[in-house]
Protein backbone atom coordinates (compact mmCIF):
# COMPACT_ATOMS: atom_id res chain seq x y z
CA MET A 1 140.34 -41.80 192.41
CA ALA A 2 139.07 -38.20 192.41
CA VAL A 3 137.45 -36.29 189.61
CA SER A 4 139.56 -33.30 188.57
CA ASN A 5 138.05 -29.81 188.93
CA VAL A 6 136.72 -28.44 185.66
CA ASN A 7 137.19 -24.75 184.85
CA SER A 8 134.75 -22.89 182.62
CA ASN A 9 134.85 -19.50 180.92
CA THR A 10 131.28 -18.34 180.37
CA GLY A 11 132.10 -15.28 178.32
CA ALA A 12 129.23 -13.40 180.01
CA GLY A 13 128.35 -10.01 178.66
CA ALA A 14 129.92 -10.28 175.23
CA SER A 15 127.96 -13.33 174.09
CA GLY A 16 124.69 -12.87 176.01
CA ASN A 17 122.38 -15.21 177.88
CA SER A 18 122.58 -18.12 175.38
CA LEU A 19 126.34 -18.48 175.80
CA ALA A 20 126.07 -18.42 179.60
CA ALA A 21 123.39 -21.12 179.51
CA SER A 22 125.34 -23.31 177.06
CA SER A 23 128.51 -22.97 179.15
CA ALA A 24 126.68 -24.16 182.26
CA GLU A 25 125.19 -27.11 180.37
CA GLU A 26 128.56 -28.00 178.83
CA LEU A 27 130.20 -27.93 182.25
CA SER A 28 127.59 -30.31 183.67
CA ASN A 29 127.92 -32.70 180.71
CA ARG A 30 131.70 -32.78 180.97
CA PHE A 31 131.51 -33.50 184.68
CA LEU A 32 128.98 -36.32 184.26
CA THR A 33 131.04 -37.87 181.46
CA MET A 34 134.17 -37.88 183.63
CA LEU A 35 132.24 -39.21 186.63
CA THR A 36 130.73 -42.06 184.58
CA ALA A 37 134.16 -43.02 183.23
CA GLN A 38 135.59 -42.92 186.72
CA MET A 39 132.90 -45.21 188.12
CA ARG A 40 133.36 -47.72 185.28
CA ASN A 41 137.10 -47.88 185.81
CA GLN A 42 137.23 -47.74 189.59
CA ASP A 43 139.33 -50.23 191.50
CA PRO A 44 137.02 -52.85 193.08
CA LEU A 45 139.38 -53.07 196.03
CA ASN A 46 139.39 -49.27 196.43
CA PRO A 47 135.93 -48.00 195.36
CA LEU A 48 134.84 -44.40 195.23
CA ASP A 49 134.39 -42.72 198.57
CA ASN A 50 130.76 -41.75 199.08
CA ALA A 51 131.63 -38.54 200.95
CA GLU A 52 134.04 -37.44 198.23
CA LEU A 53 131.51 -38.25 195.50
CA THR A 54 128.80 -36.27 197.30
CA SER A 55 131.17 -33.32 197.70
CA GLN A 56 132.02 -33.30 193.99
CA LEU A 57 128.33 -33.46 193.03
CA ALA A 58 127.66 -30.51 195.34
CA GLN A 59 130.50 -28.52 193.74
CA ILE A 60 129.21 -28.99 190.19
CA SER A 61 125.69 -28.11 191.36
CA THR A 62 127.00 -24.92 192.94
CA VAL A 63 128.97 -23.88 189.85
CA THR A 64 125.95 -24.50 187.61
CA GLY A 65 123.68 -22.60 189.97
CA ILE A 66 126.01 -19.59 190.04
CA SER A 67 126.16 -19.52 186.25
CA GLN A 68 122.37 -19.61 186.02
CA LEU A 69 122.10 -16.91 188.72
CA ASN A 70 124.46 -14.64 186.80
CA THR A 71 122.33 -15.08 183.68
CA THR A 72 119.17 -14.25 185.63
CA MET A 73 120.72 -11.17 187.24
CA GLN A 74 121.93 -9.94 183.86
CA TRP A 75 118.42 -10.29 182.45
CA LEU A 76 116.97 -8.45 185.46
CA GLY A 77 119.48 -5.63 184.92
CA TYR A 78 118.41 -5.22 181.30
CA SER A 79 114.73 -5.30 182.32
CA MET A 80 115.18 -2.69 185.06
CA GLY A 81 117.11 -0.42 182.72
CA SER A 82 114.38 -0.67 180.09
CA LEU A 83 111.66 0.00 182.67
CA GLN A 84 113.52 3.00 184.06
CA ALA A 85 113.98 4.47 180.57
CA THR A 86 110.26 4.03 179.88
CA GLN A 87 109.36 5.78 183.13
CA ALA A 88 111.77 8.61 182.38
CA ALA A 89 110.30 9.11 178.89
CA SER A 90 106.86 9.62 180.46
CA LEU A 91 108.23 12.69 182.28
CA ILE A 92 109.00 14.65 179.11
CA GLY A 93 106.95 17.83 179.06
CA ARG A 94 105.92 17.48 182.70
CA LYS A 95 106.95 19.47 185.76
CA VAL A 96 108.88 17.85 188.57
CA MET A 97 109.86 18.94 192.05
CA LEU A 98 113.37 18.19 193.29
CA ALA A 99 115.86 19.39 195.88
CA GLY A 100 117.05 22.94 195.19
CA ASP A 101 116.54 26.58 196.15
CA GLY A 102 116.13 28.04 192.66
CA LEU A 103 112.99 30.01 191.81
CA THR A 104 112.24 31.11 188.24
CA LEU A 105 109.85 34.03 187.80
CA ALA A 106 108.12 34.10 184.40
CA ASP A 107 105.06 36.15 183.43
CA GLY A 108 104.51 37.14 187.04
CA LYS A 109 104.50 33.61 188.45
CA ALA A 110 107.04 31.33 190.12
CA GLU A 111 106.65 27.85 191.62
CA GLY A 112 108.59 26.07 194.33
CA GLY A 113 108.18 23.74 197.27
CA TYR A 114 109.48 22.61 200.64
CA VAL A 115 109.54 19.58 202.92
CA LEU A 116 108.42 19.44 206.54
CA SER A 117 109.42 16.37 208.55
CA ILE A 118 107.09 17.41 211.39
CA PRO A 119 104.20 19.89 211.70
CA VAL A 120 105.21 23.48 212.52
CA GLU A 121 103.37 26.55 213.75
CA SER A 122 104.39 28.88 210.92
CA ALA A 123 106.11 28.89 207.54
CA GLU A 124 107.23 31.89 205.52
CA LEU A 125 108.71 32.18 202.04
CA VAL A 126 111.77 34.43 201.73
CA VAL A 127 112.83 35.37 198.19
CA LYS A 128 116.30 36.73 197.40
CA ASN A 129 117.82 38.13 194.23
CA ALA A 130 121.07 37.04 192.59
CA ASP A 131 123.06 39.13 195.08
CA GLY A 132 121.47 37.36 198.04
CA ILE A 133 119.39 40.39 199.03
CA GLU A 134 115.87 39.76 200.30
CA VAL A 135 113.27 41.11 197.89
CA ALA A 136 110.00 39.53 199.04
CA ARG A 137 108.27 37.62 201.83
CA LYS A 138 105.08 35.57 201.89
CA LYS A 139 103.24 33.63 204.58
CA LEU A 140 102.67 29.98 203.67
CA ALA A 141 99.58 28.12 204.81
CA ASP A 142 100.87 24.53 204.60
CA VAL A 143 102.44 23.72 207.96
CA ASP A 144 101.73 19.98 208.26
CA ALA A 145 104.39 17.31 207.75
CA GLY A 146 104.98 16.38 204.12
CA VAL A 147 105.93 17.80 200.74
CA HIS A 148 104.31 21.16 199.92
CA ALA A 149 104.17 23.37 196.83
CA PHE A 150 103.71 27.16 196.64
CA THR A 151 103.39 29.91 194.04
CA TRP A 152 104.80 33.43 194.17
CA ASP A 153 103.27 36.28 192.18
CA GLY A 154 106.58 38.09 191.78
CA LYS A 155 105.60 41.05 193.94
CA ASN A 156 107.67 42.61 196.68
CA ALA A 157 106.48 43.99 200.02
CA LYS A 158 105.38 47.25 198.33
CA GLY A 159 103.24 45.43 195.80
CA ASP A 160 105.58 46.14 192.90
CA THR A 161 106.09 43.36 190.36
CA LEU A 162 109.72 42.30 190.11
CA PRO A 163 111.34 41.52 186.75
CA ASP A 164 111.24 37.99 185.39
CA GLY A 165 114.34 35.92 185.98
CA ASP A 166 116.05 33.58 188.41
CA TYR A 167 115.81 34.06 192.18
CA GLU A 168 116.72 32.07 195.25
CA PHE A 169 114.46 31.26 198.17
CA GLU A 170 114.23 29.70 201.59
CA VAL A 171 111.31 28.67 203.76
CA GLN A 172 111.67 29.80 207.35
CA VAL A 173 109.67 27.74 209.84
CA GLY A 174 108.82 28.36 213.46
CA GLU A 175 107.78 26.08 216.31
CA GLY A 176 107.45 27.83 219.65
CA THR A 177 110.65 29.78 220.21
CA LYS A 178 112.55 27.67 217.69
CA VAL A 179 113.19 28.99 214.19
CA GLY A 180 114.72 27.03 211.33
CA ALA A 181 114.64 26.46 207.61
CA ALA A 182 112.79 23.71 205.73
CA PRO A 183 114.56 21.84 202.90
CA PRO A 184 113.69 23.77 199.69
CA LEU A 185 112.41 22.16 196.49
CA SER A 186 112.70 23.70 193.04
CA VAL A 187 110.25 23.15 190.19
CA THR A 188 111.48 22.46 186.67
CA GLN A 189 110.16 21.02 183.42
CA ILE A 190 111.64 17.91 181.84
CA THR A 191 112.54 18.22 178.15
CA SER A 192 114.41 15.02 177.30
CA VAL A 193 115.84 11.71 178.51
CA ARG A 194 119.54 10.88 178.56
CA PRO A 195 120.63 7.27 179.19
CA SER A 196 123.89 7.01 181.14
CA SER A 197 126.07 4.26 182.56
CA GLY A 198 124.13 2.33 185.19
CA SER A 199 121.15 4.69 185.31
CA THR A 200 118.82 6.92 183.35
CA THR A 201 118.72 10.69 183.81
CA VAL A 202 116.40 13.36 182.46
CA VAL A 203 117.21 16.88 181.30
CA ASP A 204 115.29 19.97 182.40
CA ALA A 205 114.55 23.16 180.46
CA LYS A 206 117.87 24.70 181.56
CA GLY A 207 119.93 21.70 180.47
CA ASN A 208 120.50 20.37 183.99
CA LEU A 209 120.74 16.61 184.47
CA VAL A 210 118.21 15.23 186.94
CA ASN A 211 118.37 11.76 188.51
CA LEU A 212 114.99 10.04 188.82
CA SER A 213 115.74 9.23 192.46
CA ASP A 214 115.91 12.98 193.24
CA VAL A 215 112.34 13.68 192.05
CA TYR A 216 109.85 14.36 194.87
CA GLN A 217 106.69 15.04 192.86
CA VAL A 218 105.52 15.01 189.26
CA TRP A 219 102.59 16.88 187.73
């Protein structure tokens, strides 16, 4: 005589951790009640099969374990979301460096950065205006592997100060006869936090959404 499979609807999500826990406990109690009744009323000439009994005990243990695991994972998700939001809030008012080739000149100063995967012999900043025309160049001293920051005084090759505004840039690198471009990093200031589905994003001074995973440096 076999014990029938017992189905359970945990109602996870809508009712929270307490409902998931009570559903798992209720499932175990129902199974044990049915098993006890079965053992009391078993046919002496055809007793319960030990292998079948062991299999059914393993099944109920697995179902209960999965229910408890789901509850634990849900709790971890809430905890991670809360921790991420707290970390994001700490960025408000601070500058961050993230992937991008934008360069904002304000009061004769602009900040940016670049990434070098290996050391190079030379690195040079090339600034372009909105039309893509080169307006300034500057030798950069940081040529070792890693994330580097730079400042630009807003002056062109003639020493004239260019008007404040948005520019684009690239960092040209050289190693022997090889010439390439390093991945550019833009600098922006975080003004607010915006929770979104599955993650937390921050908003910069221009209203752009920034994912925390895209941030290279904070200062």
